[in-house]
Amino acid sequence: MRARVEELLRTERLLLRAWTTDAADLARLADIYGRPEVTRWLGGPPSVPPDELVARWAEVHAADDRFGCWAIQPAPGEAGPAGTLLLKPLPNGVGEVEVGWHLHPDSWGRGYATEAAAAVIDRAFQRGLPEVYAVVRPANEPSLAVCRRLGMAPLGRMTRWYGVELEAFRLMAPVVVE
C-alpha cells in the first residue's frame, strides 16, 4: 500500500516519494525513529508503530494535498531512504505550516535535508502557501544550519507550537512582480 502522495518530487540527487508499508520501508522507519540520536531532537520516539506513521502521513496529504510526508530516497544504489521530509500544519490551528526533516545518521552531512526541504518549500509556494516555518530544538546545530542554508529568517525561541522552547524560523514566498 502506498501513502496517498500521488506525485513524486525530484531534485538533482534525490527522489521524494511516499513512504510505503513495504517491509523495507517499515524497517527503515523503525531504524530511523528507534535511534536516540534522532529522537532526542523530536522529543522522543513516535508513539505509534511505523505502519501507523505511514497511515497518519497519508491522512495529512489526503486532508490537503499541499501537505505531505515524503521518504527522501537518494540515487539508485543507495541503501533505503535517507529519512523523512514533512510539510504539515503546525498544531495551533491558525494555518501556519511547518517544514521538517528527520534523517538517519548514516545520511547526515550529505546535504539531503537542505536539498529535499528546498524542493518541498518550492512546491508549497507554487501551491499558494505564503510562508513556511521550521522549529528546531536550540542545541540541534545541524538542523539550525539547514534553516540558515534555506534562507529562513530566525524568529527567536518560542513555545507556542509544541509546548517546549524551540528556535523558530520563517521563509516567506517570493513576491511575484507582473
N, C-alpha and C. Protein backbone atom coordinates (compact mmCIF):
# COMPACT_ATOMS: atom_id res chain seq x y z
N MET A 1 0.85 -1.18 0.00
CA MET A 1 0.00 0.00 0.00
C MET A 1 0.89 1.24 0.00
N ARG A 2 0.59 2.17 -0.84
CA ARG A 2 1.33 3.42 -0.88
C ARG A 2 0.52 4.50 -0.18
N ALA A 3 1.24 5.39 0.50
CA ALA A 3 0.57 6.56 1.05
C ALA A 3 0.07 7.40 -0.11
N ARG A 4 -0.87 8.28 0.13
CA ARG A 4 -1.52 8.98 -0.97
C ARG A 4 -0.87 10.31 -1.32
N VAL A 5 0.41 10.31 -1.54
CA VAL A 5 1.09 11.48 -2.08
C VAL A 5 1.35 11.11 -3.53
N GLU A 6 0.46 11.56 -4.42
CA GLU A 6 0.47 10.99 -5.75
C GLU A 6 1.68 11.38 -6.59
N GLU A 7 2.12 12.61 -6.55
CA GLU A 7 3.25 12.98 -7.39
C GLU A 7 4.56 12.76 -6.64
N LEU A 8 5.58 12.52 -7.40
CA LEU A 8 6.93 12.39 -6.84
C LEU A 8 7.65 13.71 -7.06
N LEU A 9 8.53 14.03 -6.17
CA LEU A 9 9.35 15.22 -6.32
C LEU A 9 10.78 14.75 -6.60
N ARG A 10 11.42 15.38 -7.55
CA ARG A 10 12.79 15.03 -7.88
C ARG A 10 13.67 16.26 -7.74
N THR A 11 14.87 16.01 -7.25
CA THR A 11 15.89 17.04 -7.21
C THR A 11 17.08 16.47 -7.99
N GLU A 12 18.17 17.18 -7.95
CA GLU A 12 19.36 16.70 -8.67
C GLU A 12 19.80 15.33 -8.19
N ARG A 13 19.73 15.10 -6.87
CA ARG A 13 20.24 13.83 -6.32
C ARG A 13 19.19 12.97 -5.63
N LEU A 14 17.98 13.49 -5.48
CA LEU A 14 17.01 12.81 -4.63
C LEU A 14 15.67 12.60 -5.32
N LEU A 15 14.98 11.59 -4.85
CA LEU A 15 13.58 11.36 -5.18
C LEU A 15 12.82 11.45 -3.87
N LEU A 16 11.82 12.29 -3.80
CA LEU A 16 10.95 12.35 -2.64
C LEU A 16 9.69 11.61 -3.02
N ARG A 17 9.42 10.56 -2.29
CA ARG A 17 8.30 9.68 -2.62
C ARG A 17 7.52 9.36 -1.36
N ALA A 18 6.37 8.77 -1.55
CA ALA A 18 5.57 8.35 -0.40
C ALA A 18 6.27 7.21 0.34
N TRP A 19 6.19 7.23 1.65
CA TRP A 19 6.58 6.06 2.43
C TRP A 19 5.53 4.99 2.16
N THR A 20 5.94 3.74 2.19
CA THR A 20 5.02 2.63 1.95
C THR A 20 5.00 1.71 3.17
N THR A 21 4.10 0.76 3.13
CA THR A 21 4.07 -0.26 4.17
C THR A 21 4.83 -1.51 3.73
N ASP A 22 5.66 -1.37 2.69
CA ASP A 22 6.55 -2.47 2.31
C ASP A 22 7.50 -2.74 3.47
N ALA A 23 7.92 -3.99 3.60
CA ALA A 23 8.78 -4.38 4.72
C ALA A 23 10.05 -3.55 4.79
N ALA A 24 10.66 -3.23 3.65
CA ALA A 24 11.91 -2.46 3.66
C ALA A 24 11.68 -1.04 4.19
N ASP A 25 10.60 -0.40 3.75
CA ASP A 25 10.30 0.95 4.24
C ASP A 25 9.99 0.93 5.74
N LEU A 26 9.19 -0.03 6.17
CA LEU A 26 8.84 -0.10 7.59
C LEU A 26 10.07 -0.37 8.45
N ALA A 27 10.97 -1.20 7.95
CA ALA A 27 12.21 -1.48 8.71
C ALA A 27 13.07 -0.22 8.80
N ARG A 28 13.15 0.54 7.71
CA ARG A 28 13.96 1.77 7.74
C ARG A 28 13.32 2.80 8.67
N LEU A 29 12.00 2.93 8.64
CA LEU A 29 11.32 3.85 9.56
C LEU A 29 11.59 3.45 11.01
N ALA A 30 11.49 2.16 11.31
CA ALA A 30 11.75 1.69 12.66
C ALA A 30 13.19 1.98 13.06
N ASP A 31 14.12 1.86 12.13
CA ASP A 31 15.52 2.13 12.42
C ASP A 31 15.73 3.63 12.68
N ILE A 32 15.18 4.47 11.82
CA ILE A 32 15.35 5.92 11.98
C ILE A 32 14.76 6.38 13.31
N TYR A 33 13.49 6.05 13.54
CA TYR A 33 12.78 6.56 14.71
C TYR A 33 13.04 5.74 15.98
N GLY A 34 13.88 4.74 15.87
CA GLY A 34 14.30 3.98 17.03
C GLY A 34 15.67 4.42 17.55
N ARG A 35 16.28 5.38 16.91
CA ARG A 35 17.62 5.83 17.28
C ARG A 35 17.55 7.04 18.20
N PRO A 36 18.16 6.93 19.37
CA PRO A 36 18.15 8.06 20.31
C PRO A 36 18.78 9.32 19.73
N GLU A 37 19.79 9.17 18.86
CA GLU A 37 20.45 10.35 18.29
C GLU A 37 19.51 11.09 17.33
N VAL A 38 18.45 10.46 16.87
CA VAL A 38 17.41 11.12 16.06
C VAL A 38 16.29 11.63 16.96
N THR A 39 15.76 10.75 17.78
CA THR A 39 14.55 11.10 18.54
C THR A 39 14.79 12.10 19.66
N ARG A 40 16.05 12.28 20.07
CA ARG A 40 16.30 13.30 21.11
C ARG A 40 15.89 14.68 20.63
N TRP A 41 15.94 14.90 19.32
CA TRP A 41 15.57 16.21 18.76
C TRP A 41 14.08 16.30 18.49
N LEU A 42 13.37 15.18 18.61
CA LEU A 42 11.94 15.14 18.33
C LEU A 42 11.10 15.06 19.60
N GLY A 43 11.74 15.05 20.73
CA GLY A 43 11.01 14.91 21.99
C GLY A 43 10.71 13.47 22.33
N GLY A 44 11.38 12.54 21.68
CA GLY A 44 11.20 11.11 21.95
C GLY A 44 10.73 10.38 20.71
N PRO A 45 10.70 9.05 20.80
CA PRO A 45 10.27 8.26 19.65
C PRO A 45 8.78 8.40 19.39
N PRO A 46 8.34 8.11 18.17
CA PRO A 46 6.91 8.15 17.88
C PRO A 46 6.14 7.21 18.81
N SER A 47 4.91 7.56 19.08
CA SER A 47 4.08 6.76 19.98
C SER A 47 3.33 5.65 19.25
N VAL A 48 3.54 5.56 17.94
CA VAL A 48 2.85 4.54 17.14
C VAL A 48 3.87 3.78 16.30
N PRO A 49 3.54 2.55 15.90
CA PRO A 49 4.46 1.78 15.05
C PRO A 49 4.56 2.37 13.64
N PRO A 50 5.61 1.98 12.90
CA PRO A 50 5.84 2.56 11.56
C PRO A 50 4.66 2.48 10.61
N ASP A 51 3.90 1.38 10.60
CA ASP A 51 2.78 1.30 9.66
C ASP A 51 1.71 2.33 9.98
N GLU A 52 1.54 2.65 11.27
CA GLU A 52 0.59 3.70 11.63
C GLU A 52 1.12 5.08 11.28
N LEU A 53 2.45 5.27 11.36
CA LEU A 53 3.03 6.54 10.89
C LEU A 53 2.71 6.76 9.43
N VAL A 54 2.92 5.72 8.61
CA VAL A 54 2.65 5.83 7.18
C VAL A 54 1.18 6.20 6.95
N ALA A 55 0.28 5.57 7.68
CA ALA A 55 -1.15 5.87 7.53
C ALA A 55 -1.46 7.30 7.96
N ARG A 56 -0.88 7.76 9.06
CA ARG A 56 -1.11 9.14 9.51
C ARG A 56 -0.59 10.14 8.49
N TRP A 57 0.59 9.86 7.95
CA TRP A 57 1.16 10.77 6.96
C TRP A 57 0.30 10.83 5.71
N ALA A 58 -0.28 9.70 5.31
CA ALA A 58 -1.19 9.69 4.17
C ALA A 58 -2.43 10.54 4.46
N GLU A 59 -2.89 10.52 5.71
CA GLU A 59 -4.05 11.33 6.10
C GLU A 59 -3.74 12.82 6.01
N VAL A 60 -2.52 13.21 6.36
CA VAL A 60 -2.12 14.62 6.25
C VAL A 60 -2.30 15.09 4.82
N HIS A 61 -1.82 14.27 3.87
CA HIS A 61 -1.92 14.63 2.46
C HIS A 61 -3.37 14.56 1.97
N ALA A 62 -4.10 13.54 2.40
CA ALA A 62 -5.49 13.40 1.95
C ALA A 62 -6.34 14.58 2.39
N ALA A 63 -6.05 15.13 3.56
CA ALA A 63 -6.82 16.27 4.07
C ALA A 63 -6.55 17.54 3.27
N ASP A 64 -5.35 17.67 2.74
CA ASP A 64 -4.97 18.87 1.97
C ASP A 64 -3.73 18.50 1.16
N ASP A 65 -3.87 18.44 -0.16
CA ASP A 65 -2.76 17.94 -0.98
C ASP A 65 -1.56 18.88 -1.05
N ARG A 66 -1.64 20.03 -0.37
CA ARG A 66 -0.44 20.86 -0.28
C ARG A 66 0.57 20.25 0.68
N PHE A 67 0.11 19.38 1.57
CA PHE A 67 0.94 18.82 2.62
C PHE A 67 1.33 17.38 2.33
N GLY A 68 2.33 16.90 3.06
CA GLY A 68 2.73 15.51 2.92
C GLY A 68 3.94 15.20 3.77
N CYS A 69 4.26 13.92 3.80
CA CYS A 69 5.45 13.40 4.46
C CYS A 69 6.09 12.43 3.48
N TRP A 70 7.29 12.76 3.05
CA TRP A 70 7.95 12.03 1.99
C TRP A 70 9.16 11.26 2.49
N ALA A 71 9.43 10.14 1.87
CA ALA A 71 10.69 9.43 2.05
C ALA A 71 11.71 10.12 1.16
N ILE A 72 12.86 10.44 1.73
CA ILE A 72 13.95 11.06 0.97
C ILE A 72 14.81 9.92 0.43
N GLN A 73 14.65 9.63 -0.84
CA GLN A 73 15.34 8.50 -1.46
C GLN A 73 16.53 9.00 -2.27
N PRO A 74 17.76 8.69 -1.84
CA PRO A 74 18.93 9.07 -2.64
C PRO A 74 18.97 8.30 -3.96
N ALA A 75 19.95 8.60 -4.74
CA ALA A 75 20.12 7.99 -6.06
C ALA A 75 20.07 6.46 -5.98
N PRO A 76 19.69 5.82 -7.07
CA PRO A 76 19.67 4.36 -7.08
C PRO A 76 21.02 3.80 -6.64
N GLY A 77 20.95 2.68 -5.95
CA GLY A 77 22.17 2.07 -5.44
C GLY A 77 22.44 2.41 -3.99
N GLU A 78 21.81 3.48 -3.49
CA GLU A 78 21.94 3.84 -2.07
C GLU A 78 21.00 2.94 -1.27
N ALA A 79 21.37 2.68 -0.05
CA ALA A 79 20.55 1.83 0.81
C ALA A 79 19.38 2.61 1.38
N GLY A 80 18.17 2.21 1.06
CA GLY A 80 16.96 2.74 1.66
C GLY A 80 16.86 4.25 1.73
N PRO A 81 15.70 4.74 2.15
CA PRO A 81 15.53 6.18 2.29
C PRO A 81 16.49 6.77 3.32
N ALA A 82 16.91 8.00 3.05
CA ALA A 82 17.79 8.73 3.96
C ALA A 82 17.02 9.22 5.17
N GLY A 83 15.72 9.43 5.00
CA GLY A 83 14.91 9.95 6.10
C GLY A 83 13.57 10.43 5.61
N THR A 84 12.97 11.31 6.41
CA THR A 84 11.64 11.84 6.15
C THR A 84 11.70 13.35 5.98
N LEU A 85 10.96 13.86 5.01
CA LEU A 85 10.76 15.30 4.85
C LEU A 85 9.27 15.53 4.99
N LEU A 86 8.89 16.45 5.85
CA LEU A 86 7.47 16.68 6.08
C LEU A 86 7.10 18.13 5.85
N LEU A 87 5.89 18.34 5.44
CA LEU A 87 5.27 19.66 5.34
C LEU A 87 3.86 19.47 5.87
N LYS A 88 3.59 20.11 7.02
CA LYS A 88 2.30 19.87 7.68
C LYS A 88 1.89 21.10 8.47
N PRO A 89 0.59 21.21 8.76
CA PRO A 89 0.15 22.33 9.58
C PRO A 89 0.75 22.24 10.98
N LEU A 90 1.13 23.38 11.51
CA LEU A 90 1.56 23.44 12.91
C LEU A 90 0.33 23.29 13.80
N PRO A 91 0.53 22.79 15.02
CA PRO A 91 -0.63 22.43 15.85
C PRO A 91 -1.33 23.59 16.56
N ASN A 92 -1.35 24.78 15.98
CA ASN A 92 -2.04 25.88 16.64
C ASN A 92 -3.36 26.24 15.97
N GLY A 93 -3.65 25.60 14.84
CA GLY A 93 -4.93 25.79 14.19
C GLY A 93 -5.13 27.13 13.50
N VAL A 94 -4.04 27.89 13.27
CA VAL A 94 -4.21 29.18 12.61
C VAL A 94 -3.61 29.20 11.20
N GLY A 95 -3.32 28.04 10.67
CA GLY A 95 -2.87 27.96 9.28
C GLY A 95 -1.38 28.04 9.06
N GLU A 96 -0.59 28.10 10.12
CA GLU A 96 0.86 28.11 9.94
C GLU A 96 1.32 26.70 9.58
N VAL A 97 2.33 26.64 8.71
CA VAL A 97 2.78 25.36 8.15
C VAL A 97 4.26 25.16 8.46
N GLU A 98 4.58 23.93 8.84
CA GLU A 98 5.94 23.55 9.23
C GLU A 98 6.59 22.67 8.18
N VAL A 99 7.85 22.95 7.89
CA VAL A 99 8.69 22.04 7.14
C VAL A 99 9.66 21.42 8.14
N GLY A 100 9.91 20.13 8.00
CA GLY A 100 10.82 19.45 8.92
C GLY A 100 11.48 18.27 8.25
N TRP A 101 12.54 17.79 8.87
CA TRP A 101 13.32 16.69 8.31
C TRP A 101 13.82 15.84 9.46
N HIS A 102 13.81 14.53 9.22
CA HIS A 102 14.32 13.56 10.19
C HIS A 102 15.14 12.57 9.39
N LEU A 103 16.45 12.64 9.52
CA LEU A 103 17.31 11.77 8.73
C LEU A 103 18.03 10.74 9.58
N HIS A 104 18.28 9.60 8.96
CA HIS A 104 19.06 8.54 9.58
C HIS A 104 20.50 9.04 9.72
N PRO A 105 21.17 8.71 10.82
CA PRO A 105 22.56 9.17 11.00
C PRO A 105 23.50 8.79 9.86
N ASP A 106 23.23 7.68 9.16
CA ASP A 106 24.12 7.32 8.05
C ASP A 106 23.94 8.24 6.84
N SER A 107 22.97 9.15 6.92
CA SER A 107 22.73 10.11 5.84
C SER A 107 23.01 11.55 6.25
N TRP A 108 23.47 11.76 7.47
CA TRP A 108 23.79 13.10 7.93
C TRP A 108 25.01 13.64 7.18
N GLY A 109 25.04 14.96 7.00
CA GLY A 109 26.21 15.62 6.44
C GLY A 109 26.34 15.54 4.94
N ARG A 110 25.32 15.12 4.25
CA ARG A 110 25.37 14.99 2.79
C ARG A 110 24.55 16.06 2.05
N GLY A 111 23.88 16.93 2.80
CA GLY A 111 23.08 17.98 2.19
C GLY A 111 21.68 17.53 1.79
N TYR A 112 21.29 16.31 2.16
CA TYR A 112 19.98 15.80 1.76
C TYR A 112 18.84 16.61 2.38
N ALA A 113 18.96 16.98 3.64
CA ALA A 113 17.88 17.73 4.30
C ALA A 113 17.64 19.05 3.60
N THR A 114 18.71 19.77 3.30
CA THR A 114 18.57 21.07 2.63
C THR A 114 17.97 20.91 1.24
N GLU A 115 18.48 19.96 0.49
CA GLU A 115 18.01 19.75 -0.89
C GLU A 115 16.54 19.33 -0.91
N ALA A 116 16.16 18.40 -0.05
CA ALA A 116 14.78 17.94 -0.01
C ALA A 116 13.84 19.03 0.49
N ALA A 117 14.25 19.74 1.54
CA ALA A 117 13.41 20.82 2.07
C ALA A 117 13.20 21.92 1.05
N ALA A 118 14.25 22.28 0.32
CA ALA A 118 14.12 23.33 -0.71
C ALA A 118 13.09 22.92 -1.76
N ALA A 119 13.10 21.66 -2.17
CA ALA A 119 12.14 21.19 -3.18
C ALA A 119 10.71 21.25 -2.65
N VAL A 120 10.52 20.84 -1.41
CA VAL A 120 9.17 20.84 -0.83
C VAL A 120 8.69 22.27 -0.57
N ILE A 121 9.59 23.14 -0.15
CA ILE A 121 9.21 24.54 0.05
C ILE A 121 8.83 25.18 -1.28
N ASP A 122 9.60 24.94 -2.33
CA ASP A 122 9.24 25.47 -3.66
C ASP A 122 7.86 24.98 -4.07
N ARG A 123 7.59 23.71 -3.86
CA ARG A 123 6.27 23.13 -4.18
C ARG A 123 5.18 23.83 -3.37
N ALA A 124 5.44 24.07 -2.09
CA ALA A 124 4.46 24.73 -1.23
C ALA A 124 4.14 26.14 -1.74
N PHE A 125 5.17 26.87 -2.12
CA PHE A 125 4.94 28.23 -2.62
C PHE A 125 4.20 28.20 -3.96
N GLN A 126 4.51 27.23 -4.81
CA GLN A 126 3.78 27.10 -6.08
C GLN A 126 2.31 26.79 -5.85
N ARG A 127 2.01 26.16 -4.74
CA ARG A 127 0.62 25.81 -4.41
C ARG A 127 -0.06 26.86 -3.54
N GLY A 128 0.55 28.02 -3.43
CA GLY A 128 -0.11 29.15 -2.80
C GLY A 128 0.16 29.40 -1.33
N LEU A 129 1.04 28.63 -0.70
CA LEU A 129 1.35 28.93 0.70
C LEU A 129 2.17 30.21 0.77
N PRO A 130 1.81 31.15 1.64
CA PRO A 130 2.53 32.42 1.70
C PRO A 130 3.83 32.37 2.51
N GLU A 131 3.94 31.38 3.40
CA GLU A 131 5.12 31.27 4.25
C GLU A 131 5.21 29.85 4.80
N VAL A 132 6.42 29.50 5.21
CA VAL A 132 6.68 28.19 5.81
C VAL A 132 7.56 28.42 7.03
N TYR A 133 7.29 27.69 8.10
CA TYR A 133 8.06 27.76 9.33
C TYR A 133 8.87 26.49 9.53
N ALA A 134 9.94 26.60 10.30
CA ALA A 134 10.67 25.45 10.82
C ALA A 134 10.86 25.69 12.30
N VAL A 135 10.77 24.62 13.08
CA VAL A 135 11.01 24.71 14.52
C VAL A 135 12.06 23.67 14.88
N VAL A 136 13.07 24.12 15.64
CA VAL A 136 14.25 23.29 15.90
C VAL A 136 14.62 23.41 17.37
N ARG A 137 14.97 22.31 17.98
CA ARG A 137 15.49 22.35 19.35
C ARG A 137 16.77 23.17 19.35
N PRO A 138 16.94 24.05 20.35
CA PRO A 138 18.05 25.01 20.34
C PRO A 138 19.45 24.42 20.16
N ALA A 139 19.73 23.24 20.66
CA ALA A 139 21.08 22.67 20.54
C ALA A 139 21.29 21.86 19.27
N ASN A 140 20.28 21.75 18.43
CA ASN A 140 20.39 20.94 17.21
C ASN A 140 21.07 21.74 16.11
N GLU A 141 22.38 21.88 16.23
CA GLU A 141 23.15 22.71 15.30
C GLU A 141 23.00 22.29 13.84
N PRO A 142 23.01 20.98 13.50
CA PRO A 142 22.84 20.63 12.09
C PRO A 142 21.51 21.13 11.51
N SER A 143 20.42 21.01 12.25
CA SER A 143 19.13 21.49 11.73
C SER A 143 19.06 23.01 11.71
N LEU A 144 19.68 23.67 12.68
CA LEU A 144 19.75 25.13 12.64
C LEU A 144 20.49 25.58 11.38
N ALA A 145 21.55 24.85 11.02
CA ALA A 145 22.31 25.18 9.81
C ALA A 145 21.48 24.96 8.55
N VAL A 146 20.64 23.93 8.54
CA VAL A 146 19.75 23.71 7.38
C VAL A 146 18.83 24.92 7.22
N CYS A 147 18.25 25.39 8.31
CA CYS A 147 17.37 26.56 8.24
C CYS A 147 18.10 27.76 7.65
N ARG A 148 19.34 27.98 8.08
CA ARG A 148 20.12 29.10 7.54
C ARG A 148 20.41 28.90 6.05
N ARG A 149 20.77 27.68 5.67
CA ARG A 149 21.07 27.43 4.24
C ARG A 149 19.83 27.62 3.37
N LEU A 150 18.66 27.37 3.93
CA LEU A 150 17.41 27.57 3.19
C LEU A 150 17.03 29.05 3.09
N GLY A 151 17.74 29.90 3.82
CA GLY A 151 17.44 31.33 3.81
C GLY A 151 16.30 31.71 4.73
N MET A 152 16.00 30.87 5.70
CA MET A 152 14.91 31.13 6.63
C MET A 152 15.34 32.20 7.64
N ALA A 153 14.43 33.09 7.95
CA ALA A 153 14.69 34.16 8.92
C ALA A 153 14.47 33.65 10.33
N PRO A 154 15.44 33.85 11.23
CA PRO A 154 15.25 33.43 12.62
C PRO A 154 14.25 34.34 13.32
N LEU A 155 13.35 33.72 14.09
CA LEU A 155 12.32 34.46 14.83
C LEU A 155 12.57 34.41 16.33
N GLY A 156 13.59 33.69 16.76
CA GLY A 156 13.88 33.55 18.18
C GLY A 156 13.25 32.29 18.75
N ARG A 157 13.37 32.18 20.06
CA ARG A 157 12.84 31.00 20.74
C ARG A 157 11.37 31.22 21.10
N MET A 158 10.58 30.17 20.86
CA MET A 158 9.14 30.23 21.11
C MET A 158 8.65 28.90 21.69
N THR A 159 7.53 28.97 22.39
CA THR A 159 6.89 27.75 22.91
C THR A 159 5.49 27.57 22.35
N ARG A 160 5.06 28.38 21.42
CA ARG A 160 3.65 28.42 21.04
C ARG A 160 3.15 27.20 20.27
N TRP A 161 4.03 26.38 19.71
CA TRP A 161 3.52 25.28 18.89
C TRP A 161 3.52 23.94 19.61
N TYR A 162 4.56 23.58 20.25
CA TYR A 162 4.66 22.25 20.84
C TYR A 162 4.83 22.27 22.36
N GLY A 163 4.73 23.41 22.98
CA GLY A 163 4.81 23.50 24.42
C GLY A 163 6.21 23.35 24.99
N VAL A 164 7.22 23.38 24.13
CA VAL A 164 8.62 23.38 24.57
C VAL A 164 9.32 24.50 23.83
N GLU A 165 10.39 24.98 24.39
CA GLU A 165 11.12 26.08 23.77
C GLU A 165 11.87 25.59 22.53
N LEU A 166 11.55 26.19 21.40
CA LEU A 166 12.15 25.83 20.12
C LEU A 166 12.62 27.08 19.39
N GLU A 167 13.67 26.93 18.61
CA GLU A 167 14.09 28.02 17.72
C GLU A 167 13.13 28.01 16.53
N ALA A 168 12.56 29.15 16.23
CA ALA A 168 11.60 29.26 15.13
C ALA A 168 12.23 30.02 13.98
N PHE A 169 11.89 29.59 12.77
CA PHE A 169 12.36 30.22 11.54
C PHE A 169 11.18 30.35 10.59
N ARG A 170 11.24 31.35 9.72
CA ARG A 170 10.19 31.55 8.73
C ARG A 170 10.82 31.90 7.39
N LEU A 171 10.21 31.37 6.34
CA LEU A 171 10.58 31.73 4.98
C LEU A 171 9.31 32.16 4.26
N MET A 172 9.35 33.37 3.72
CA MET A 172 8.21 33.92 3.02
C MET A 172 8.30 33.55 1.54
N ALA A 173 7.14 33.35 0.91
CA ALA A 173 7.12 33.09 -0.52
C ALA A 173 7.66 34.28 -1.28
N PRO A 174 8.37 34.04 -2.37
CA PRO A 174 8.87 35.16 -3.15
C PRO A 174 7.72 36.00 -3.70
N VAL A 175 7.93 37.27 -3.76
CA VAL A 175 6.94 38.18 -4.33
C VAL A 175 7.07 38.15 -5.85
N VAL A 176 5.96 37.88 -6.51
CA VAL A 176 5.96 37.81 -7.97
C VAL A 176 5.50 39.15 -8.51
N VAL A 177 6.36 39.79 -9.29
CA VAL A 177 6.04 41.08 -9.90
C VAL A 177 5.61 40.82 -11.33
N GLU A 178 4.43 41.31 -11.67
CA GLU A 178 3.92 41.08 -13.03
C GLU A 178 4.10 42.28 -13.89
